Amino acid sequence: LSDVEGVYKDGKDGKQIISELTVSSARQLIENGVIQGGMIP
């Protein structure tokens, strides 16, 4: 429980939340810079 809605498809400025995310997809989003900043840890 935090102050973020979840992981967005288009990064922190996105509007659509990804409902389910696999581990490999999550790693890919970090590598691609979609997941940034405090969301990475």
ModelCIF file with pLDDT and N, C-alpha, C, O atoms, coordinates in Angstrom:
data_MODEL
#
_entry.id   MODEL 
#
_entity.id                         1 
_entity.type                       polymer 
_entity.pdbx_number_of_molecules   1 
#
_entity_poly.entity_id                      1 
_entity_poly.type                           'polypeptide(L)' 
_entity_poly.nstd_linkage                   no 
_entity_poly.nstd_monomer                   no 
_entity_poly.pdbx_seq_one_letter_code       LSDVEGVYKDGKDGKQIISELTVSSARQLIENGVIQGGMIP 
_entity_poly.pdbx_seq_one_letter_code_can   LSDVEGVYKDGKDGKQIISELTVSSARQLIENGVIQGGMIP 
_entity_poly.pdbx_strand_id                 A 
#
loop_
_entity_poly_seq.entity_id 
_entity_poly_seq.num 
_entity_poly_seq.mon_id 
_entity_poly_seq.hetero 
1 1  LEU n 
1 2  SER n 
1 3  ASP n 
1 4  VAL n 
1 5  GLU n 
1 6  GLY n 
1 7  VAL n 
1 8  TYR n 
1 9  LYS n 
1 10 ASP n 
1 11 GLY n 
1 12 LYS n 
1 13 ASP n 
1 14 GLY n 
1 15 LYS n 
1 16 GLN n 
1 17 ILE n 
1 18 ILE n 
1 19 SER n 
1 20 GLU n 
1 21 LEU n 
1 22 THR n 
1 23 VAL n 
1 24 SER n 
1 25 SER n 
1 26 ALA n 
1 27 ARG n 
1 28 GLN n 
1 29 LEU n 
1 30 ILE n 
1 31 GLU n 
1 32 ASN n 
1 33 GLY n 
1 34 VAL n 
1 35 ILE n 
1 36 GLN n 
1 37 GLY n 
1 38 GLY n 
1 39 MET n 
1 40 ILE n 
1 41 PRO n 
#
_struct_asym.id          A 
_struct_asym.entity_id   1 
#
loop_
_ma_qa_metric.id 
_ma_qa_metric.mode 
_ma_qa_metric.name 
_ma_qa_metric.software_group_id 
_ma_qa_metric.type 
1 global pLDDT . pLDDT 
2 local  pLDDT . pLDDT 
#
_ma_qa_metric_global.metric_id      1 
_ma_qa_metric_global.metric_value   80.27 
_ma_qa_metric_global.model_id       1 
_ma_qa_metric_global.ordinal_id     1 
#
loop_
_ma_qa_metric_local.label_asym_id 
_ma_qa_metric_local.label_comp_id 
_ma_qa_metric_local.label_seq_id 
_ma_qa_metric_local.metric_id 
_ma_qa_metric_local.metric_value 
_ma_qa_metric_local.model_id 
_ma_qa_metric_local.ordinal_id 
A LEU 1  2 88.00 1 1  
A SER 2  2 81.00 1 2  
A ASP 3  2 81.00 1 3  
A VAL 4  2 80.00 1 4  
A GLU 5  2 82.00 1 5  
A GLY 6  2 82.00 1 6  
A VAL 7  2 84.00 1 7  
A TYR 8  2 82.00 1 8  
A LYS 9  2 77.00 1 9  
A ASP 10 2 69.00 1 10 
A GLY 11 2 56.00 1 11 
A LYS 12 2 56.00 1 12 
A ASP 13 2 57.00 1 13 
A GLY 14 2 55.00 1 14 
A LYS 15 2 67.00 1 15 
A GLN 16 2 80.00 1 16 
A ILE 17 2 82.00 1 17 
A ILE 18 2 85.00 1 18 
A SER 19 2 84.00 1 19 
A GLU 20 2 86.00 1 20 
A LEU 21 2 87.00 1 21 
A THR 22 2 89.00 1 22 
A VAL 23 2 90.00 1 23 
A SER 24 2 90.00 1 24 
A SER 25 2 89.00 1 25 
A ALA 26 2 89.00 1 26 
A ARG 27 2 90.00 1 27 
A GLN 28 2 88.00 1 28 
A LEU 29 2 88.00 1 29 
A ILE 30 2 87.00 1 30 
A GLU 31 2 85.00 1 31 
A ASN 32 2 84.00 1 32 
A GLY 33 2 83.00 1 33 
A VAL 34 2 84.00 1 34 
A ILE 35 2 84.00 1 35 
A GLN 36 2 78.00 1 36 
A GLY 37 2 75.00 1 37 
A GLY 38 2 74.00 1 38 
A MET 39 2 80.00 1 39 
A ILE 40 2 82.00 1 40 
A PRO 41 2 81.00 1 41 
#
loop_
_atom_site.group_PDB 
_atom_site.id 
_atom_site.type_symbol 
_atom_site.label_atom_id 
_atom_site.label_alt_id 
_atom_site.label_comp_id 
_atom_site.label_asym_id 
_atom_site.label_entity_id 
_atom_site.label_seq_id 
_atom_site.pdbx_PDB_ins_code 
_atom_site.Cartn_x 
_atom_site.Cartn_y 
_atom_site.Cartn_z 
_atom_site.occupancy 
_atom_site.B_iso_or_equiv 
_atom_site.pdbx_formal_charge 
_atom_site.auth_seq_id 
_atom_site.auth_comp_id 
_atom_site.auth_asym_id 
_atom_site.auth_atom_id 
_atom_site.pdbx_PDB_model_num 
ATOM 1   N N  . LEU A 1 1  ? 0.868  -1.180  0.000   1.00 88.00 ? 1  LEU A N  1 
ATOM 2   C CA . LEU A 1 1  ? 0.000  0.000   0.000   1.00 88.00 ? 1  LEU A CA 1 
ATOM 3   C C  . LEU A 1 1  ? 0.900  1.223   0.000   1.00 88.00 ? 1  LEU A C  1 
ATOM 4   O O  . LEU A 1 1  ? 1.660  1.436   0.944   1.00 88.00 ? 1  LEU A O  1 
ATOM 5   N N  . SER A 1 2  ? 0.819  2.024   -1.049  1.00 81.00 ? 2  SER A N  1 
ATOM 6   C CA . SER A 1 2  ? 1.697  3.186   -1.154  1.00 81.00 ? 2  SER A CA 1 
ATOM 7   C C  . SER A 1 2  ? 0.929  4.341   -1.781  1.00 81.00 ? 2  SER A C  1 
ATOM 8   O O  . SER A 1 2  ? -0.301 4.316   -1.829  1.00 81.00 ? 2  SER A O  1 
ATOM 9   N N  . ASP A 1 3  ? 1.641  5.351   -2.259  1.00 81.00 ? 3  ASP A N  1 
ATOM 10  C CA . ASP A 1 3  ? 0.995  6.513   -2.870  1.00 81.00 ? 3  ASP A CA 1 
ATOM 11  C C  . ASP A 1 3  ? 1.117  6.491   -4.385  1.00 81.00 ? 3  ASP A C  1 
ATOM 12  O O  . ASP A 1 3  ? 1.112  7.544   -5.023  1.00 81.00 ? 3  ASP A O  1 
ATOM 13  N N  . VAL A 1 4  ? 1.226  5.298   -4.970  1.00 80.00 ? 4  VAL A N  1 
ATOM 14  C CA . VAL A 1 4  ? 1.229  5.152   -6.431  1.00 80.00 ? 4  VAL A CA 1 
ATOM 15  C C  . VAL A 1 4  ? 0.098  4.220   -6.829  1.00 80.00 ? 4  VAL A C  1 
ATOM 16  O O  . VAL A 1 4  ? -0.263 3.313   -6.080  1.00 80.00 ? 4  VAL A O  1 
ATOM 17  N N  . GLU A 1 5  ? -0.459 4.448   -8.013  1.00 82.00 ? 5  GLU A N  1 
ATOM 18  C CA . GLU A 1 5  ? -1.616 3.658   -8.462  1.00 82.00 ? 5  GLU A CA 1 
ATOM 19  C C  . GLU A 1 5  ? -1.225 2.274   -8.956  1.00 82.00 ? 5  GLU A C  1 
ATOM 20  O O  . GLU A 1 5  ? -2.041 1.352   -8.966  1.00 82.00 ? 5  GLU A O  1 
ATOM 21  N N  . GLY A 1 6  ? 0.028  2.138   -9.364  1.00 82.00 ? 6  GLY A N  1 
ATOM 22  C CA . GLY A 1 6  ? 0.497  0.888   -9.946  1.00 82.00 ? 6  GLY A CA 1 
ATOM 23  C C  . GLY A 1 6  ? 1.557  1.194   -10.978 1.00 82.00 ? 6  GLY A C  1 
ATOM 24  O O  . GLY A 1 6  ? 2.179  2.255   -10.929 1.00 82.00 ? 6  GLY A O  1 
ATOM 25  N N  . VAL A 1 7  ? 1.778  0.277   -11.920 1.00 84.00 ? 7  VAL A N  1 
ATOM 26  C CA . VAL A 1 7  ? 2.753  0.475   -12.992 1.00 84.00 ? 7  VAL A CA 1 
ATOM 27  C C  . VAL A 1 7  ? 1.996  0.887   -14.255 1.00 84.00 ? 7  VAL A C  1 
ATOM 28  O O  . VAL A 1 7  ? 1.039  0.230   -14.663 1.00 84.00 ? 7  VAL A O  1 
ATOM 29  N N  . TYR A 1 8  ? 2.443  1.988   -14.867 1.00 82.00 ? 8  TYR A N  1 
ATOM 30  C CA . TYR A 1 8  ? 1.786  2.493   -16.074 1.00 82.00 ? 8  TYR A CA 1 
ATOM 31  C C  . TYR A 1 8  ? 2.431  1.926   -17.332 1.00 82.00 ? 8  TYR A C  1 
ATOM 32  O O  . TYR A 1 8  ? 3.632  1.658   -17.359 1.00 82.00 ? 8  TYR A O  1 
ATOM 33  N N  . LYS A 1 9  ? 1.616  1.745   -18.379 1.00 77.00 ? 9  LYS A N  1 
ATOM 34  C CA . LYS A 1 9  ? 2.128  1.231   -19.655 1.00 77.00 ? 9  LYS A CA 1 
ATOM 35  C C  . LYS A 1 9  ? 3.151  2.168   -20.279 1.00 77.00 ? 9  LYS A C  1 
ATOM 36  O O  . LYS A 1 9  ? 4.101  1.719   -20.920 1.00 77.00 ? 9  LYS A O  1 
ATOM 37  N N  . ASP A 1 10 ? 2.957  3.468   -20.092 1.00 69.00 ? 10 ASP A N  1 
ATOM 38  C CA . ASP A 1 10 ? 3.845  4.456   -20.721 1.00 69.00 ? 10 ASP A CA 1 
ATOM 39  C C  . ASP A 1 10 ? 4.641  5.237   -19.697 1.00 69.00 ? 10 ASP A C  1 
ATOM 40  O O  . ASP A 1 10 ? 4.893  6.428   -19.882 1.00 69.00 ? 10 ASP A O  1 
ATOM 41  N N  . GLY A 1 11 ? 5.039  4.582   -18.623 1.00 56.00 ? 11 GLY A N  1 
ATOM 42  C CA . GLY A 1 11 ? 5.857  5.258   -17.622 1.00 56.00 ? 11 GLY A CA 1 
ATOM 43  C C  . GLY A 1 11 ? 5.039  6.123   -16.693 1.00 56.00 ? 11 GLY A C  1 
ATOM 44  O O  . GLY A 1 11 ? 3.813  6.024   -16.641 1.00 56.00 ? 11 GLY A O  1 
ATOM 45  N N  . LYS A 1 12 ? 5.738  6.979   -15.954 1.00 56.00 ? 12 LYS A N  1 
ATOM 46  C CA . LYS A 1 12 ? 5.079  7.741   -14.886 1.00 56.00 ? 12 LYS A CA 1 
ATOM 47  C C  . LYS A 1 12 ? 4.056  8.742   -15.414 1.00 56.00 ? 12 LYS A C  1 
ATOM 48  O O  . LYS A 1 12 ? 3.162  9.151   -14.674 1.00 56.00 ? 12 LYS A O  1 
ATOM 49  N N  . ASP A 1 13 ? 4.170  9.148   -16.694 1.00 57.00 ? 13 ASP A N  1 
ATOM 50  C CA . ASP A 1 13 ? 3.204  10.097  -17.253 1.00 57.00 ? 13 ASP A CA 1 
ATOM 51  C C  . ASP A 1 13 ? 2.049  9.390   -17.959 1.00 57.00 ? 13 ASP A C  1 
ATOM 52  O O  . ASP A 1 13 ? 1.180  10.039  -18.540 1.00 57.00 ? 13 ASP A O  1 
ATOM 53  N N  . GLY A 1 14 ? 2.045  8.051   -17.904 1.00 55.00 ? 14 GLY A N  1 
ATOM 54  C CA . GLY A 1 14 ? 0.989  7.293   -18.572 1.00 55.00 ? 14 GLY A CA 1 
ATOM 55  C C  . GLY A 1 14 ? -0.329 7.370   -17.835 1.00 55.00 ? 14 GLY A C  1 
ATOM 56  O O  . GLY A 1 14 ? -0.402 7.856   -16.706 1.00 55.00 ? 14 GLY A O  1 
ATOM 57  N N  . LYS A 1 15 ? -1.370 6.881   -18.491 1.00 67.00 ? 15 LYS A N  1 
ATOM 58  C CA . LYS A 1 15 ? -2.693 6.912   -17.881 1.00 67.00 ? 15 LYS A CA 1 
ATOM 59  C C  . LYS A 1 15 ? -3.239 5.500   -17.656 1.00 67.00 ? 15 LYS A C  1 
ATOM 60  O O  . LYS A 1 15 ? -4.093 5.295   -16.794 1.00 67.00 ? 15 LYS A O  1 
ATOM 61  N N  . GLN A 1 16 ? -2.752 4.538   -18.420 1.00 80.00 ? 16 GLN A N  1 
ATOM 62  C CA . GLN A 1 16 ? -3.293 3.183   -18.316 1.00 80.00 ? 16 GLN A CA 1 
ATOM 63  C C  . GLN A 1 16 ? -2.401 2.319   -17.425 1.00 80.00 ? 16 GLN A C  1 
ATOM 64  O O  . GLN A 1 16 ? -1.207 2.163   -17.678 1.00 80.00 ? 16 GLN A O  1 
ATOM 65  N N  . ILE A 1 17 ? -3.012 1.762   -16.376 1.00 82.00 ? 17 ILE A N  1 
ATOM 66  C CA . ILE A 1 17 ? -2.274 0.910   -15.442 1.00 82.00 ? 17 ILE A CA 1 
ATOM 67  C C  . ILE A 1 17 ? -2.215 -0.505  -15.989 1.00 82.00 ? 17 ILE A C  1 
ATOM 68  O O  . ILE A 1 17 ? -3.205 -1.015  -16.514 1.00 82.00 ? 17 ILE A O  1 
ATOM 69  N N  . ILE A 1 18 ? -1.057 -1.141  -15.869 1.00 85.00 ? 18 ILE A N  1 
ATOM 70  C CA . ILE A 1 18 ? -0.911 -2.551  -16.237 1.00 85.00 ? 18 ILE A CA 1 
ATOM 71  C C  . ILE A 1 18 ? -1.467 -3.393  -15.098 1.00 85.00 ? 18 ILE A C  1 
ATOM 72  O O  . ILE A 1 18 ? -0.969 -3.334  -13.974 1.00 85.00 ? 18 ILE A O  1 
ATOM 73  N N  . SER A 1 19 ? -2.501 -4.177  -15.392 1.00 84.00 ? 19 SER A N  1 
ATOM 74  C CA . SER A 1 19 ? -3.163 -4.949  -14.340 1.00 84.00 ? 19 SER A CA 1 
ATOM 75  C C  . SER A 1 19 ? -2.312 -6.126  -13.876 1.00 84.00 ? 19 SER A C  1 
ATOM 76  O O  . SER A 1 19 ? -2.221 -6.389  -12.677 1.00 84.00 ? 19 SER A O  1 
ATOM 77  N N  . GLU A 1 20 ? -1.689 -6.837  -14.814 1.00 86.00 ? 20 GLU A N  1 
ATOM 78  C CA . GLU A 1 20 ? -0.823 -7.971  -14.472 1.00 86.00 ? 20 GLU A CA 1 
ATOM 79  C C  . GLU A 1 20 ? 0.483  -7.851  -15.242 1.00 86.00 ? 20 GLU A C  1 
ATOM 80  O O  . GLU A 1 20 ? 0.489  -7.547  -16.434 1.00 86.00 ? 20 GLU A O  1 
ATOM 81  N N  . LEU A 1 21 ? 1.582  -8.093  -14.551 1.00 87.00 ? 21 LEU A N  1 
ATOM 82  C CA . LEU A 1 21 ? 2.909  -7.892  -15.125 1.00 87.00 ? 21 LEU A CA 1 
ATOM 83  C C  . LEU A 1 21 ? 3.792  -9.063  -14.713 1.00 87.00 ? 21 LEU A C  1 
ATOM 84  O O  . LEU A 1 21 ? 3.965  -9.323  -13.522 1.00 87.00 ? 21 LEU A O  1 
ATOM 85  N N  . THR A 1 22 ? 4.352  -9.768  -15.691 1.00 89.00 ? 22 THR A N  1 
ATOM 86  C CA . THR A 1 22 ? 5.251  -10.878 -15.354 1.00 89.00 ? 22 THR A CA 1 
ATOM 87  C C  . THR A 1 22 ? 6.620  -10.328 -14.950 1.00 89.00 ? 22 THR A C  1 
ATOM 88  O O  . THR A 1 22 ? 6.957  -9.181  -15.242 1.00 89.00 ? 22 THR A O  1 
ATOM 89  N N  . VAL A 1 23 ? 7.396  -11.171 -14.276 1.00 90.00 ? 23 VAL A N  1 
ATOM 90  C CA . VAL A 1 23 ? 8.726  -10.768 -13.824 1.00 90.00 ? 23 VAL A CA 1 
ATOM 91  C C  . VAL A 1 23 ? 9.603  -10.356 -15.007 1.00 90.00 ? 23 VAL A C  1 
ATOM 92  O O  . VAL A 1 23 ? 10.292 -9.338  -14.942 1.00 90.00 ? 23 VAL A O  1 
ATOM 93  N N  . SER A 1 24 ? 9.580  -11.143 -16.087 1.00 90.00 ? 24 SER A N  1 
ATOM 94  C CA . SER A 1 24 ? 10.429 -10.819 -17.247 1.00 90.00 ? 24 SER A CA 1 
ATOM 95  C C  . SER A 1 24 ? 9.988  -9.504  -17.887 1.00 90.00 ? 24 SER A C  1 
ATOM 96  O O  . SER A 1 24 ? 10.827 -8.720  -18.331 1.00 90.00 ? 24 SER A O  1 
ATOM 97  N N  . SER A 1 25 ? 8.673  -9.258  -17.938 1.00 89.00 ? 25 SER A N  1 
ATOM 98  C CA . SER A 1 25 ? 8.175  -7.994  -18.496 1.00 89.00 ? 25 SER A CA 1 
ATOM 99  C C  . SER A 1 25 ? 8.571  -6.819  -17.607 1.00 89.00 ? 25 SER A C  1 
ATOM 100 O O  . SER A 1 25 ? 8.908  -5.745  -18.107 1.00 89.00 ? 25 SER A O  1 
ATOM 101 N N  . ALA A 1 26 ? 8.530  -7.020  -16.289 1.00 89.00 ? 26 ALA A N  1 
ATOM 102 C CA . ALA A 1 26 ? 8.916  -5.959  -15.356 1.00 89.00 ? 26 ALA A CA 1 
ATOM 103 C C  . ALA A 1 26 ? 10.387 -5.590  -15.546 1.00 89.00 ? 26 ALA A C  1 
ATOM 104 O O  . ALA A 1 26 ? 10.741 -4.412  -15.570 1.00 89.00 ? 26 ALA A O  1 
ATOM 105 N N  . ARG A 1 27 ? 11.239 -6.610  -15.682 1.00 90.00 ? 27 ARG A N  1 
ATOM 106 C CA . ARG A 1 27 ? 12.667 -6.349  -15.917 1.00 90.00 ? 27 ARG A CA 1 
ATOM 107 C C  . ARG A 1 27 ? 12.866 -5.578  -17.224 1.00 90.00 ? 27 ARG A C  1 
ATOM 108 O O  . ARG A 1 27 ? 13.691 -4.667  -17.306 1.00 90.00 ? 27 ARG A O  1 
ATOM 109 N N  . GLN A 1 28 ? 12.093 -5.961  -18.243 1.00 88.00 ? 28 GLN A N  1 
ATOM 110 C CA . GLN A 1 28 ? 12.192 -5.292  -19.544 1.00 88.00 ? 28 GLN A CA 1 
ATOM 111 C C  . GLN A 1 28 ? 11.783 -3.820  -19.438 1.00 88.00 ? 28 GLN A C  1 
ATOM 112 O O  . GLN A 1 28 ? 12.411 -2.954  -20.047 1.00 88.00 ? 28 GLN A O  1 
ATOM 113 N N  . LEU A 1 29 ? 10.740 -3.541  -18.669 1.00 88.00 ? 29 LEU A N  1 
ATOM 114 C CA . LEU A 1 29 ? 10.282 -2.162  -18.513 1.00 88.00 ? 29 LEU A CA 1 
ATOM 115 C C  . LEU A 1 29 ? 11.316 -1.313  -17.774 1.00 88.00 ? 29 LEU A C  1 
ATOM 116 O O  . LEU A 1 29 ? 11.446 -0.118  -18.039 1.00 88.00 ? 29 LEU A O  1 
ATOM 117 N N  . ILE A 1 30 ? 12.052 -1.934  -16.843 1.00 87.00 ? 30 ILE A N  1 
ATOM 118 C CA . ILE A 1 30 ? 13.132 -1.213  -16.159 1.00 87.00 ? 30 ILE A CA 1 
ATOM 119 C C  . ILE A 1 30 ? 14.256 -0.910  -17.143 1.00 87.00 ? 30 ILE A C  1 
ATOM 120 O O  . ILE A 1 30 ? 14.767 0.209   -17.192 1.00 87.00 ? 30 ILE A O  1 
ATOM 121 N N  . GLU A 1 31 ? 14.640 -1.928  -17.933 1.00 85.00 ? 31 GLU A N  1 
ATOM 122 C CA . GLU A 1 31 ? 15.718 -1.744  -18.920 1.00 85.00 ? 31 GLU A CA 1 
ATOM 123 C C  . GLU A 1 31 ? 15.362 -0.685  -19.950 1.00 85.00 ? 31 GLU A C  1 
ATOM 124 O O  . GLU A 1 31 ? 16.219 0.087   -20.382 1.00 85.00 ? 31 GLU A O  1 
ATOM 125 N N  . ASN A 1 32 ? 14.086 -0.651  -20.344 1.00 84.00 ? 32 ASN A N  1 
ATOM 126 C CA . ASN A 1 32 ? 13.645 0.300   -21.375 1.00 84.00 ? 32 ASN A CA 1 
ATOM 127 C C  . ASN A 1 32 ? 13.388 1.697   -20.822 1.00 84.00 ? 32 ASN A C  1 
ATOM 128 O O  . ASN A 1 32 ? 13.071 2.614   -21.580 1.00 84.00 ? 32 ASN A O  1 
ATOM 129 N N  . GLY A 1 33 ? 13.522 1.865   -19.510 1.00 83.00 ? 33 GLY A N  1 
ATOM 130 C CA . GLY A 1 33 ? 13.319 3.180   -18.910 1.00 83.00 ? 33 GLY A CA 1 
ATOM 131 C C  . GLY A 1 33 ? 11.873 3.557   -18.683 1.00 83.00 ? 33 GLY A C  1 
ATOM 132 O O  . GLY A 1 33 ? 11.581 4.701   -18.335 1.00 83.00 ? 33 GLY A O  1 
ATOM 133 N N  . VAL A 1 34 ? 10.938 2.596   -18.878 1.00 84.00 ? 34 VAL A N  1 
ATOM 134 C CA . VAL A 1 34 ? 9.522  2.875   -18.628 1.00 84.00 ? 34 VAL A CA 1 
ATOM 135 C C  . VAL A 1 34 ? 9.281  2.980   -17.121 1.00 84.00 ? 34 VAL A C  1 
ATOM 136 O O  . VAL A 1 34 ? 8.569  3.870   -16.657 1.00 84.00 ? 34 VAL A O  1 
ATOM 137 N N  . ILE A 1 35 ? 9.879  2.063   -16.371 1.00 84.00 ? 35 ILE A N  1 
ATOM 138 C CA . ILE A 1 35 ? 9.849  2.137   -14.913 1.00 84.00 ? 35 ILE A CA 1 
ATOM 139 C C  . ILE A 1 35 ? 11.077 2.910   -14.461 1.00 84.00 ? 35 ILE A C  1 
ATOM 140 O O  . ILE A 1 35 ? 12.204 2.531   -14.782 1.00 84.00 ? 35 ILE A O  1 
ATOM 141 N N  . GLN A 1 36 ? 10.867 3.997   -13.713 1.00 78.00 ? 36 GLN A N  1 
ATOM 142 C CA . GLN A 1 36 ? 11.971 4.892   -13.358 1.00 78.00 ? 36 GLN A CA 1 
ATOM 143 C C  . GLN A 1 36 ? 11.935 5.254   -11.871 1.00 78.00 ? 36 GLN A C  1 
ATOM 144 O O  . GLN A 1 36 ? 10.982 4.950   -11.154 1.00 78.00 ? 36 GLN A O  1 
ATOM 145 N N  . GLY A 1 37 ? 13.003 5.909   -11.443 1.00 75.00 ? 37 GLY A N  1 
ATOM 146 C CA . GLY A 1 37 ? 13.062 6.545   -10.124 1.00 75.00 ? 37 GLY A CA 1 
ATOM 147 C C  . GLY A 1 37 ? 12.777 5.595   -8.983  1.00 75.00 ? 37 GLY A C  1 
ATOM 148 O O  . GLY A 1 37 ? 13.274 4.470   -8.938  1.00 75.00 ? 37 GLY A O  1 
ATOM 149 N N  . GLY A 1 38 ? 11.951 6.084   -8.049  1.00 74.00 ? 38 GLY A N  1 
ATOM 150 C CA . GLY A 1 38 ? 11.656 5.336   -6.830  1.00 74.00 ? 38 GLY A CA 1 
ATOM 151 C C  . GLY A 1 38 ? 10.860 4.063   -7.077  1.00 74.00 ? 38 GLY A C  1 
ATOM 152 O O  . GLY A 1 38 ? 10.785 3.199   -6.203  1.00 74.00 ? 38 GLY A O  1 
ATOM 153 N N  . MET A 1 39 ? 10.259 3.937   -8.275  1.00 80.00 ? 39 MET A N  1 
ATOM 154 C CA . MET A 1 39 ? 9.514  2.711   -8.580  1.00 80.00 ? 39 MET A CA 1 
ATOM 155 C C  . MET A 1 39 ? 10.456 1.539   -8.852  1.00 80.00 ? 39 MET A C  1 
ATOM 156 O O  . MET A 1 39 ? 10.062 0.383   -8.698  1.00 80.00 ? 39 MET A O  1 
ATOM 157 N N  . ILE A 1 40 ? 11.706 1.828   -9.257  1.00 82.00 ? 40 ILE A N  1 
ATOM 158 C CA . ILE A 1 40 ? 12.645 0.744   -9.574  1.00 82.00 ? 40 ILE A CA 1 
ATOM 159 C C  . ILE A 1 40 ? 12.928 -0.141  -8.363  1.00 82.00 ? 40 ILE A C  1 
ATOM 160 O O  . ILE A 1 40 ? 12.769 -1.357  -8.464  1.00 82.00 ? 40 ILE A O  1 
ATOM 161 N N  . PRO A 1 41 ? 13.352 0.428   -7.192  1.00 81.00 ? 41 PRO A N  1 
ATOM 162 C CA . PRO A 1 41 ? 13.588 -0.459  -6.052  1.00 81.00 ? 41 PRO A CA 1 
ATOM 163 C C  . PRO A 1 41 ? 12.333 -1.186  -5.585  1.00 81.00 ? 41 PRO A C  1 
ATOM 164 O O  . PRO A 1 41 ? 12.389 -1.964  -4.633  1.00 81.00 ? 41 PRO A O  1 
#
